[in-house]
């Protein structure tokens, strides 16, 4: 098996395993106690905090260890908003933030706050002007990820931080995907990260709050971790997390060059090997190990199963892999194809041979899924001026497949009206039009679902 899902969780780094085992004997006691065992545990915790601060580029007393990266985000958003409550009740996020940030924003909104969601371009990147325009006198906090978790696009954190600093607004950076590659540049105010993203054990998150940032921890607090992460931390896991962070950082420069070449190879060759594919994300400003593409006429979940049977573990942002049957909010915000989506995220040490074999396996896997779903062959016969395709009750990618099957039957200038109640159709039909060079007329209300109108231009 080749594990190509490091953006979800990276394999445990050998250094993390060694550090975890080595610290089990000395890190089990309560570090708040003054006895010998407590002092040993405290020394491990303090050393880990110092090392984490060095890796982040901050003071040791600004670092808090949390039970997870998600908990770090929730605590950071809630604490910063509460600390600046007198300033106002306005929060800024990008439309492609991790769900932990967006869920925090939804809670804040439900409690009476207002949220501005800054749009991204088709590469998944925000523009500093978007944040500048969103800043208001009552803005309490702005959030921006350092790099996107689904498509790998690196965000202009330093530029956005300048805008926020000029307005006197703290910027929270979710650095979960990028911290293993290097520190986050710019004058940010708060930062969060998660150890299992860089090869540390799960169950360890980082929360950094710069001195001078107004912060009021929410919920019951105690004396541990400045009151920002109540309860006793898992000290052996913390030691292993920080040790692995230092280890991957030492390898980062060399490994980044190697992985960037491998993902560039995937970006270039997938469209050559597989027809009707859209590669998404910024081709240059991206993390070294992530490449994402979407395949027309493919059920994302079915494709993942085919690749898993072939020995490859990947992930997908397709709506078919979600219990809510809605497409990835990231792909939706970018306005790109969501059906048949595959995210390849290579862990450090990935062998070139595994990538080459993946490129050999992929075309057959995609073709097999398309055949099972009855993907269309080119049609040329002209027919009536407009055709109606009833895809109500059918899920992705069936509405697009049925559109493609009949599209050749309308003459140039004719239209096809697709009825669908699948949320993904709102994204995938316009994406199909762009890939095919046809005109997407728009969406119209229907008795059930919506009608998506497409005009044939060639």
Protein backbone atom coordinates (compact mmCIF):
# COMPACT_ATOMS: atom_id res chain seq x y z
CA UNK A 1 0.00 0.00 0.00
CA UNK A 2 1.11 3.56 -0.74
CA UNK A 3 -0.27 6.14 1.69
CA UNK A 4 -1.03 9.38 -0.18
CA UNK A 5 -3.22 11.12 2.44
CA UNK A 6 -0.65 12.94 4.56
CA UNK A 7 -2.74 16.15 4.60
CA UNK A 8 -5.28 14.28 6.75
CA UNK A 9 -2.70 12.67 9.02
CA UNK A 10 0.98 12.07 8.37
CA UNK A 11 2.54 8.73 9.34
CA UNK A 12 4.23 8.80 12.73
CA UNK A 13 7.79 10.04 12.26
CA UNK A 14 10.50 7.66 13.58
CA UNK A 15 11.81 10.42 15.84
CA UNK A 16 8.32 10.84 17.33
CA UNK A 17 8.15 7.13 18.12
CA UNK A 18 11.57 7.21 19.77
CA UNK A 19 10.77 10.31 21.82
CA UNK A 20 7.40 8.91 22.88
CA UNK A 21 8.90 5.68 24.18
CA UNK A 22 11.83 7.45 25.84
CA UNK A 23 9.61 9.91 27.73
CA UNK A 24 7.06 7.41 29.02
CA UNK A 25 9.15 6.64 32.09
CA UNK A 26 9.68 10.28 33.14
CA UNK A 27 6.63 12.08 31.79
CA UNK A 28 3.78 10.37 33.59
CA UNK A 29 3.61 12.50 36.76
CA UNK A 30 1.79 15.79 37.39
CA UNK A 31 4.18 18.58 36.31
CA UNK A 32 2.55 20.96 38.79
CA UNK A 33 3.86 18.96 41.78
CA UNK A 34 7.13 19.72 43.56
CA UNK A 35 8.28 16.14 44.18
CA UNK A 36 10.98 14.44 42.12
CA UNK A 37 8.59 12.78 39.66
CA UNK A 38 6.68 16.02 39.14
CA UNK A 39 9.91 17.95 38.51
CA UNK A 40 11.00 15.40 35.88
CA UNK A 41 7.69 15.78 34.07
CA UNK A 42 7.94 19.56 34.35
CA UNK A 43 11.40 19.57 32.81
CA UNK A 44 10.12 17.61 29.82
CA UNK A 45 7.15 19.94 29.41
CA UNK A 46 9.26 23.11 29.70
CA UNK A 47 11.85 21.81 27.24
CA UNK A 48 9.10 20.95 24.77
CA UNK A 49 7.56 24.38 25.11
CA UNK A 50 10.93 26.04 24.45
CA UNK A 51 11.51 23.89 21.37
CA UNK A 52 8.01 24.54 20.04
CA UNK A 53 8.48 28.28 20.50
CA UNK A 54 11.74 28.15 18.58
CA UNK A 55 10.04 26.31 15.70
CA UNK A 56 7.10 28.71 15.60
CA UNK A 57 9.16 31.86 16.13
CA UNK A 58 7.61 33.13 19.34
CA UNK A 59 8.20 33.28 23.10
CA UNK A 60 7.88 30.12 25.16
CA UNK A 61 5.30 31.70 27.44
CA UNK A 62 3.10 32.32 24.40
CA UNK A 63 2.80 28.59 23.62
CA UNK A 64 -0.04 26.44 24.95
CA UNK A 65 -0.44 22.71 24.31
CA UNK A 66 -4.03 21.60 23.64
CA UNK A 67 -5.68 18.16 23.22
CA UNK A 68 -5.98 18.68 19.42
CA UNK A 69 -5.61 21.19 16.63
CA UNK A 70 -9.38 21.55 16.47
CA UNK A 71 -9.52 22.39 20.18
CA UNK A 72 -6.74 24.93 19.62
CA UNK A 73 -8.80 26.63 16.89
CA UNK A 74 -12.01 26.65 18.94
CA UNK A 75 -10.18 28.06 21.97
CA UNK A 76 -8.36 30.67 19.88
CA UNK A 77 -11.45 31.98 18.12
CA UNK A 78 -13.63 32.03 21.23
CA UNK A 79 -10.91 33.53 23.46
CA UNK A 80 -9.91 36.28 21.03
CA UNK A 81 -13.51 37.26 20.32
CA UNK A 82 -14.33 37.37 24.02
CA UNK A 83 -11.19 39.36 24.81
CA UNK A 84 -12.16 42.01 22.27
CA UNK A 85 -15.88 42.04 22.93
CA UNK A 86 -15.82 45.77 23.72
CA UNK A 87 -14.35 46.51 20.28
CA UNK A 88 -17.21 44.80 18.47
CA UNK A 89 -18.84 41.59 17.35
CA UNK A 90 -17.50 41.22 13.82
CA UNK A 91 -15.38 38.27 12.61
CA UNK A 92 -13.60 37.84 9.27
CA UNK A 93 -12.76 34.42 7.79
CA UNK A 94 -11.88 33.20 4.33
CA UNK A 95 -14.41 31.03 2.53
CA UNK A 96 -11.90 28.13 2.38
CA UNK A 97 -10.90 27.91 6.04
CA UNK A 98 -10.79 24.53 7.75
CA UNK A 99 -14.16 23.40 9.06
CA UNK A 100 -13.01 23.96 12.65
CA UNK A 101 -12.72 27.70 11.92
CA UNK A 102 -15.98 27.85 9.97
CA UNK A 103 -17.85 25.95 12.69
CA UNK A 104 -16.54 28.44 15.26
CA UNK A 105 -17.77 31.24 13.01
CA UNK A 106 -21.21 29.63 12.79
CA UNK A 107 -21.44 29.43 16.59
CA UNK A 108 -20.41 33.07 16.88
CA UNK A 109 -23.04 34.05 14.30
CA UNK A 110 -25.72 32.08 16.12
CA UNK A 111 -24.88 34.01 19.29
CA UNK A 112 -25.49 37.35 17.58
CA UNK A 113 -22.13 38.12 16.00
CA UNK A 114 -21.61 39.03 12.35
CA UNK A 115 -19.25 37.17 10.03
CA UNK A 116 -17.71 38.27 6.74
CA UNK A 117 -16.51 35.44 4.51
CA UNK A 118 -13.81 36.63 2.11
CA UNK A 119 -14.01 35.07 -1.35
CA UNK A 120 -11.14 33.29 -3.12
CA UNK A 121 -10.11 33.01 -6.76
CA UNK A 122 -10.25 29.80 -8.82
CA UNK A 123 -6.85 28.81 -7.40
CA UNK A 124 -8.22 29.01 -3.86
CA UNK A 125 -6.28 32.11 -2.81
CA UNK A 126 -7.53 35.24 -1.09
CA UNK A 127 -6.35 38.70 -2.01
CA UNK A 128 -5.17 41.15 0.64
CA UNK A 129 -7.64 43.69 -0.75
CA UNK A 130 -10.48 41.35 0.20
CA UNK A 131 -9.46 41.46 3.84
CA UNK A 132 -8.77 45.20 3.67
CA UNK A 133 -12.30 45.78 2.39
CA UNK A 134 -13.80 43.53 5.07
CA UNK A 135 -12.11 45.25 8.03
CA UNK A 136 -14.47 47.47 10.04
CA UNK A 137 -14.25 49.53 13.25
CA UNK A 138 -16.10 46.75 15.09
CA UNK A 139 -13.94 43.90 13.76
CA UNK A 140 -12.75 41.83 16.70
CA UNK A 141 -10.76 39.13 14.87
CA UNK A 142 -9.67 37.99 11.42
CA UNK A 143 -8.74 34.39 10.53
CA UNK A 144 -6.67 33.09 7.61
CA UNK A 145 -5.12 29.67 7.06
CA UNK A 146 -1.45 29.61 6.05
CA UNK A 147 -2.17 27.03 3.32
CA UNK A 148 -5.28 25.25 2.18
CA UNK A 149 -5.81 21.71 3.41
CA UNK A 150 -7.60 20.46 0.28
CA UNK A 151 -5.76 22.00 -2.67
CA UNK A 152 -2.45 23.11 -1.11
CA UNK A 153 -2.68 26.78 -2.12
CA UNK A 154 -0.49 29.00 0.07
CA UNK A 155 -2.22 32.13 1.34
CA UNK A 156 -0.68 35.65 1.51
CA UNK A 157 -0.57 35.68 5.30
CA UNK A 158 2.15 38.35 5.62
CA UNK A 159 0.24 40.78 3.37
CA UNK A 160 -3.07 40.21 5.16
CA UNK A 161 -1.31 40.58 8.52
CA UNK A 162 -0.12 44.03 7.44
CA UNK A 163 -3.69 45.09 6.68
CA UNK A 164 -4.93 43.73 10.00
CA UNK A 165 -2.09 45.31 11.99
CA UNK A 166 -2.77 48.70 10.40
CA UNK A 167 -6.43 48.39 11.45
CA UNK A 168 -5.53 47.20 14.96
CA UNK A 169 -7.18 43.80 14.43
CA UNK A 170 -5.50 40.54 15.54
CA UNK A 171 -4.99 37.86 12.88
CA UNK A 172 -5.41 34.19 13.76
CA UNK A 173 -3.47 31.85 11.46
CA UNK A 174 -4.38 28.17 11.15
CA UNK A 175 -0.94 26.74 10.34
CA UNK A 176 -1.83 23.06 10.60
CA UNK A 177 -0.82 22.19 7.03
CA UNK A 178 2.31 24.34 6.75
CA UNK A 179 4.09 24.41 10.11
CA UNK A 180 6.06 21.27 9.35
CA UNK A 181 7.56 23.03 6.31
CA UNK A 182 8.58 26.22 8.09
CA UNK A 183 7.50 29.10 10.33
CA UNK A 184 4.62 31.35 9.28
CA UNK A 185 5.83 34.71 8.02
CA UNK A 186 4.19 38.01 8.91
CA UNK A 187 3.04 39.92 11.96
CA UNK A 188 0.26 37.54 13.00
CA UNK A 189 -1.28 37.59 16.49
CA UNK A 190 -2.50 34.04 17.14
CA UNK A 191 -1.56 30.69 15.62
CA UNK A 192 -2.84 27.13 15.83
CA UNK A 193 -1.45 23.82 14.60
CA UNK A 194 -1.88 20.06 14.98
CA UNK A 195 0.93 17.55 15.57
CA UNK A 196 -0.51 14.68 13.52
CA UNK A 197 -0.22 16.85 10.39
CA UNK A 198 3.60 16.79 10.54
CA UNK A 199 4.19 13.25 11.80
CA UNK A 200 3.63 13.68 15.51
CA UNK A 201 1.10 11.69 17.52
CA UNK A 202 -2.56 12.64 17.38
CA UNK A 203 -4.02 14.37 20.42
CA UNK A 204 -1.56 17.29 20.57
CA UNK A 205 -2.38 20.77 19.31
CA UNK A 206 -0.57 24.09 19.53
CA UNK A 207 -2.12 27.41 20.47
CA UNK A 208 0.06 30.52 20.35
CA UNK A 209 -1.21 33.84 21.67
CA UNK A 210 1.19 36.75 21.27
CA UNK A 211 1.81 39.03 24.21
CA UNK A 212 -0.44 42.06 24.09
CA UNK A 213 -3.35 40.26 22.39
CA UNK A 214 -6.54 40.59 24.40
CA UNK A 215 -7.64 37.05 25.16
CA UNK A 216 -10.26 35.71 27.56
CA UNK A 217 -10.34 31.92 27.83
CA UNK A 218 -13.89 30.59 27.68
CA UNK A 219 -15.46 27.85 29.77
CA UNK A 220 -14.19 26.49 33.09
CA UNK A 221 -10.47 27.14 33.54
CA UNK A 222 -7.77 25.98 35.91
CA UNK A 223 -4.16 26.89 36.55
CA UNK A 224 -2.71 24.75 33.76
CA UNK A 225 -1.53 26.15 30.41
CA UNK A 226 -2.38 29.71 31.42
CA UNK A 227 -5.98 28.60 31.85
CA UNK A 228 -6.30 28.13 28.09
CA UNK A 229 -6.22 24.31 28.02
CA UNK A 230 -7.63 22.87 31.26
CA UNK A 231 -6.56 19.47 32.50
CA UNK A 232 -3.33 17.52 32.48
CA UNK A 233 -1.66 17.24 29.11
CA UNK A 234 -0.20 14.05 27.67
CA UNK A 235 3.45 14.91 28.27
CA UNK A 236 4.99 11.94 26.39
CA UNK A 237 2.82 12.80 23.37
CA UNK A 238 3.80 16.48 23.64
CA UNK A 239 7.48 15.54 23.77
CA UNK A 240 7.05 13.30 20.71
CA UNK A 241 5.12 16.02 18.86
CA UNK A 242 7.80 18.64 19.32
CA UNK A 243 10.63 16.21 18.62
CA UNK A 244 9.01 15.24 15.32
CA UNK A 245 8.44 18.90 14.43
CA UNK A 246 12.14 19.60 14.84
CA UNK A 247 13.00 16.48 12.85
CA UNK A 248 10.76 17.28 9.88
CA UNK A 249 11.97 20.86 9.87
CA UNK A 250 15.56 19.63 9.60
CA UNK A 251 14.56 17.62 6.51
CA UNK A 252 12.10 20.15 5.09
CA UNK A 253 14.25 22.08 2.61
CA UNK A 254 15.57 19.01 0.82
CA UNK A 255 12.31 17.06 0.99
CA UNK A 256 10.29 20.02 -0.28
CA UNK A 257 12.30 20.11 -3.51
CA UNK A 258 11.79 16.39 -4.07
CA UNK A 259 8.07 16.31 -3.29
CA UNK A 260 7.41 19.45 -5.32
CA UNK A 261 8.89 17.72 -8.37
CA UNK A 262 6.72 14.65 -7.79
CA UNK A 263 3.50 16.64 -7.41
CA UNK A 264 4.41 18.77 -10.43
CA UNK A 265 4.74 15.51 -12.37
CA UNK A 266 1.26 14.46 -11.26
CA UNK A 267 -0.19 17.88 -12.17
CA UNK A 268 1.30 17.68 -15.65
CA UNK A 269 0.64 14.04 -16.49
CA UNK A 270 -2.83 13.39 -15.11
CA UNK A 271 -4.54 15.56 -17.78
CA UNK A 272 -2.46 13.78 -20.43
CA UNK A 273 -3.39 10.32 -19.17
CA UNK A 274 -7.03 10.89 -18.22
CA UNK A 275 -9.48 12.85 -20.41
CA UNK A 276 -11.90 15.38 -18.91
CA UNK A 277 -9.84 16.25 -15.84
CA UNK A 278 -9.45 19.60 -14.07
CA UNK A 279 -6.34 20.08 -11.92
CA UNK A 280 -7.12 22.64 -9.21
CA UNK A 281 -5.13 24.82 -6.83
CA UNK A 282 -2.33 27.29 -7.49
CA UNK A 283 0.38 25.66 -9.64
CA UNK A 284 3.18 27.72 -8.04
CA UNK A 285 2.13 29.04 -4.61
CA UNK A 286 1.36 25.66 -3.09
CA UNK A 287 2.58 23.23 -0.47
CA UNK A 288 5.17 20.77 -1.77
CA UNK A 289 3.22 17.54 -1.27
CA UNK A 290 -0.39 18.31 -2.26
CA UNK A 291 -2.01 18.04 -5.69
CA UNK A 292 -5.75 17.88 -6.34
CA UNK A 293 -7.73 17.11 -9.47
CA UNK A 294 -11.35 16.36 -10.40
CA UNK A 295 -12.63 13.94 -13.05
CA UNK A 296 -15.84 14.44 -15.00
CA UNK A 297 -18.44 11.65 -14.97
CA UNK A 298 -16.89 9.98 -11.91
CA UNK A 299 -18.31 9.17 -8.50
CA UNK A 300 -15.61 10.30 -6.06
CA UNK A 301 -16.29 7.60 -3.49
CA UNK A 302 -16.25 4.87 -6.13
CA UNK A 303 -12.94 6.15 -7.46
CA UNK A 304 -11.42 6.19 -3.98
CA UNK A 305 -12.45 2.56 -3.50
CA UNK A 306 -10.92 1.60 -6.86
CA UNK A 307 -7.63 3.30 -5.96
CA UNK A 308 -7.68 1.71 -2.51
CA UNK A 309 -8.03 -1.73 -4.08
CA UNK A 310 -5.10 -0.87 -6.34
CA UNK A 311 -2.97 -0.04 -3.27
CA UNK A 312 -3.33 3.74 -2.97
CA UNK A 313 -4.82 5.64 -0.05
CA UNK A 314 -6.05 9.08 -1.16
CA UNK A 315 -8.86 11.41 -0.11
CA UNK A 316 -11.59 13.36 -1.88
CA UNK A 317 -13.60 16.56 -1.62
CA UNK A 318 -16.40 15.18 -3.80
CA UNK A 319 -19.91 15.49 -2.45
CA UNK A 320 -20.42 11.74 -2.78
CA UNK A 321 -18.00 11.11 0.09
CA UNK A 322 -20.00 13.32 2.46
CA UNK A 323 -22.90 12.21 4.61
CA UNK A 324 -24.58 15.54 3.80
CA UNK A 325 -24.22 14.97 0.04
CA UNK A 326 -22.89 18.52 -0.39
CA UNK A 327 -19.65 19.29 -2.22
CA UNK A 328 -16.50 20.40 -0.47
CA UNK A 329 -16.88 23.98 0.71
CA UNK A 330 -13.37 24.65 -0.59
CA UNK A 331 -14.08 23.45 -4.14
CA UNK A 332 -17.43 25.24 -4.04
CA UNK A 333 -15.82 28.54 -3.01
CA UNK A 334 -13.25 28.16 -5.80
CA UNK A 335 -15.97 27.49 -8.38
CA UNK A 336 -14.23 24.40 -9.73
CA UNK A 337 -15.42 20.90 -10.56
CA UNK A 338 -16.18 18.83 -7.47
CA UNK A 339 -17.23 15.47 -8.89
CA UNK A 340 -14.61 12.74 -9.05
CA UNK A 341 -12.26 14.78 -6.87
CA UNK A 342 -8.97 13.24 -5.72
CA UNK A 343 -6.50 14.82 -3.31
CA UNK A 344 -3.03 13.32 -3.38
CA UNK A 345 -0.93 14.42 -0.42
CA UNK A 346 2.49 12.82 -0.31
CA UNK A 347 4.20 12.20 3.04
CA UNK A 348 7.95 12.84 3.35
CA UNK A 349 9.91 9.91 2.02
CA UNK A 350 7.43 9.01 -0.74
CA UNK A 351 9.19 6.91 -3.35
CA UNK A 352 9.27 8.07 -6.96
CA UNK A 353 8.33 4.54 -8.05
CA UNK A 354 5.09 4.75 -6.06
CA UNK A 355 4.12 7.95 -7.86
CA UNK A 356 4.89 6.42 -11.24
CA UNK A 357 2.79 3.37 -10.44
CA UNK A 358 -0.06 5.64 -9.30
CA UNK A 359 0.03 7.33 -12.70
CA UNK A 360 -0.15 3.91 -14.33
CA UNK A 361 -3.09 2.79 -12.19
CA UNK A 362 -5.18 5.98 -12.31
CA UNK A 363 -6.38 5.91 -15.96
CA UNK A 364 -7.78 2.39 -15.62
CA UNK A 365 -9.47 3.21 -12.32
CA UNK A 366 -11.17 6.29 -13.76
CA UNK A 367 -12.20 4.45 -16.94
CA UNK A 368 -13.67 1.61 -14.89
CA UNK A 369 -15.81 3.94 -12.78
CA UNK A 370 -16.96 5.86 -15.84
CA UNK A 371 -17.97 2.66 -17.57
CA UNK A 372 -20.02 1.52 -14.58
CA UNK A 373 -21.80 4.88 -14.45
CA UNK A 374 -22.49 4.92 -18.20
CA UNK A 375 -20.40 7.99 -19.04
CA UNK A 376 -21.31 9.49 -22.43
CA UNK A 377 -19.70 8.97 -25.81
CA UNK A 378 -19.57 11.97 -28.19
CA UNK A 379 -22.95 12.67 -29.87
CA UNK A 380 -23.41 14.69 -33.08
CA UNK A 381 -27.06 14.36 -34.09
CA UNK A 382 -28.95 17.69 -33.90
CA UNK A 383 -32.48 17.68 -32.54
CA UNK A 384 -34.99 20.09 -31.00
CA UNK A 385 -34.08 23.60 -29.90
CA UNK A 386 -34.31 22.64 -26.24
CA UNK A 387 -34.14 19.39 -24.31
CA UNK A 388 -35.25 18.74 -20.73
CA UNK A 389 -33.20 16.38 -18.57
CA UNK A 390 -34.97 15.24 -15.41
CA UNK A 391 -32.26 14.31 -12.89
CA UNK A 392 -34.36 14.88 -9.78
CA UNK A 393 -33.42 12.49 -7.00
CA UNK A 394 -30.11 11.57 -8.64
CA UNK A 395 -26.75 12.34 -7.07
CA UNK A 396 -23.41 13.36 -8.47
CA UNK A 397 -22.15 12.79 -11.06
CA UNK A 398 -25.35 11.49 -12.71
CA UNK A 399 -26.87 14.92 -13.58
CA UNK A 400 -23.71 15.91 -15.46
CA UNK A 401 -23.50 12.52 -17.17
CA UNK A 402 -27.12 12.80 -18.35
CA UNK A 403 -26.47 16.36 -19.57
CA UNK A 404 -23.45 15.20 -21.57
CA UNK A 405 -25.33 12.25 -23.07
CA UNK A 406 -27.97 14.43 -24.72
CA UNK A 407 -25.97 17.58 -25.39
CA UNK A 408 -24.98 16.52 -28.88
CA UNK A 409 -28.65 16.15 -29.81
CA UNK A 410 -29.34 19.90 -29.68
CA UNK A 411 -28.16 22.18 -32.49
CA UNK A 412 -25.71 25.02 -31.99
CA UNK A 413 -27.68 27.73 -30.24
CA UNK A 414 -30.05 25.22 -28.65
CA UNK A 415 -30.29 24.64 -24.92
CA UNK A 416 -30.51 21.81 -22.43
CA UNK A 417 -32.42 22.35 -19.18
CA UNK A 418 -31.30 20.04 -16.37
CA UNK A 419 -33.61 19.57 -13.40
CA UNK A 420 -31.67 18.59 -10.28
CA UNK A 421 -32.08 18.74 -6.52
CA UNK A 422 -28.44 17.78 -5.87
CA UNK A 423 -26.42 20.61 -4.32
CA UNK A 424 -23.35 19.56 -6.30
CA UNK A 425 -25.09 20.31 -9.61
CA UNK A 426 -24.90 24.02 -8.81
CA UNK A 427 -21.13 23.71 -8.97
CA UNK A 428 -20.51 20.89 -11.42
CA UNK A 429 -22.75 21.93 -14.33
CA UNK A 430 -21.07 25.36 -14.70
CA UNK A 431 -17.69 23.63 -14.35
CA UNK A 432 -18.66 21.19 -17.14
CA UNK A 433 -19.60 24.14 -19.36
CA UNK A 434 -16.24 25.81 -18.78
CA UNK A 435 -14.33 22.61 -19.50
CA UNK A 436 -16.39 22.00 -22.65
CA UNK A 437 -16.41 25.60 -23.90
CA UNK A 438 -20.21 25.81 -23.73
CA UNK A 439 -22.38 28.62 -22.33
CA UNK A 440 -23.85 28.29 -18.87
CA UNK A 441 -27.01 30.40 -19.07
CA UNK A 442 -27.85 30.16 -15.40
CA UNK A 443 -29.99 28.63 -12.69
CA UNK A 444 -33.75 29.02 -12.56
CA UNK A 445 -36.23 28.02 -9.86
CA UNK A 446 -38.23 24.87 -10.46
CA UNK A 447 -41.14 23.14 -8.73
CA UNK A 448 -38.56 20.79 -7.24
CA UNK A 449 -34.89 21.59 -7.04
CA UNK A 450 -33.51 23.93 -9.70
CA UNK A 451 -33.26 24.10 -13.47
CA UNK A 452 -29.75 24.57 -14.86
CA UNK A 453 -29.75 25.91 -18.41
CA UNK A 454 -26.87 25.26 -20.80
CA UNK A 455 -26.60 26.63 -24.36
CA UNK A 456 -24.60 24.85 -27.06
CA UNK A 457 -22.13 27.22 -28.72
CA UNK A 458 -20.08 24.75 -30.74
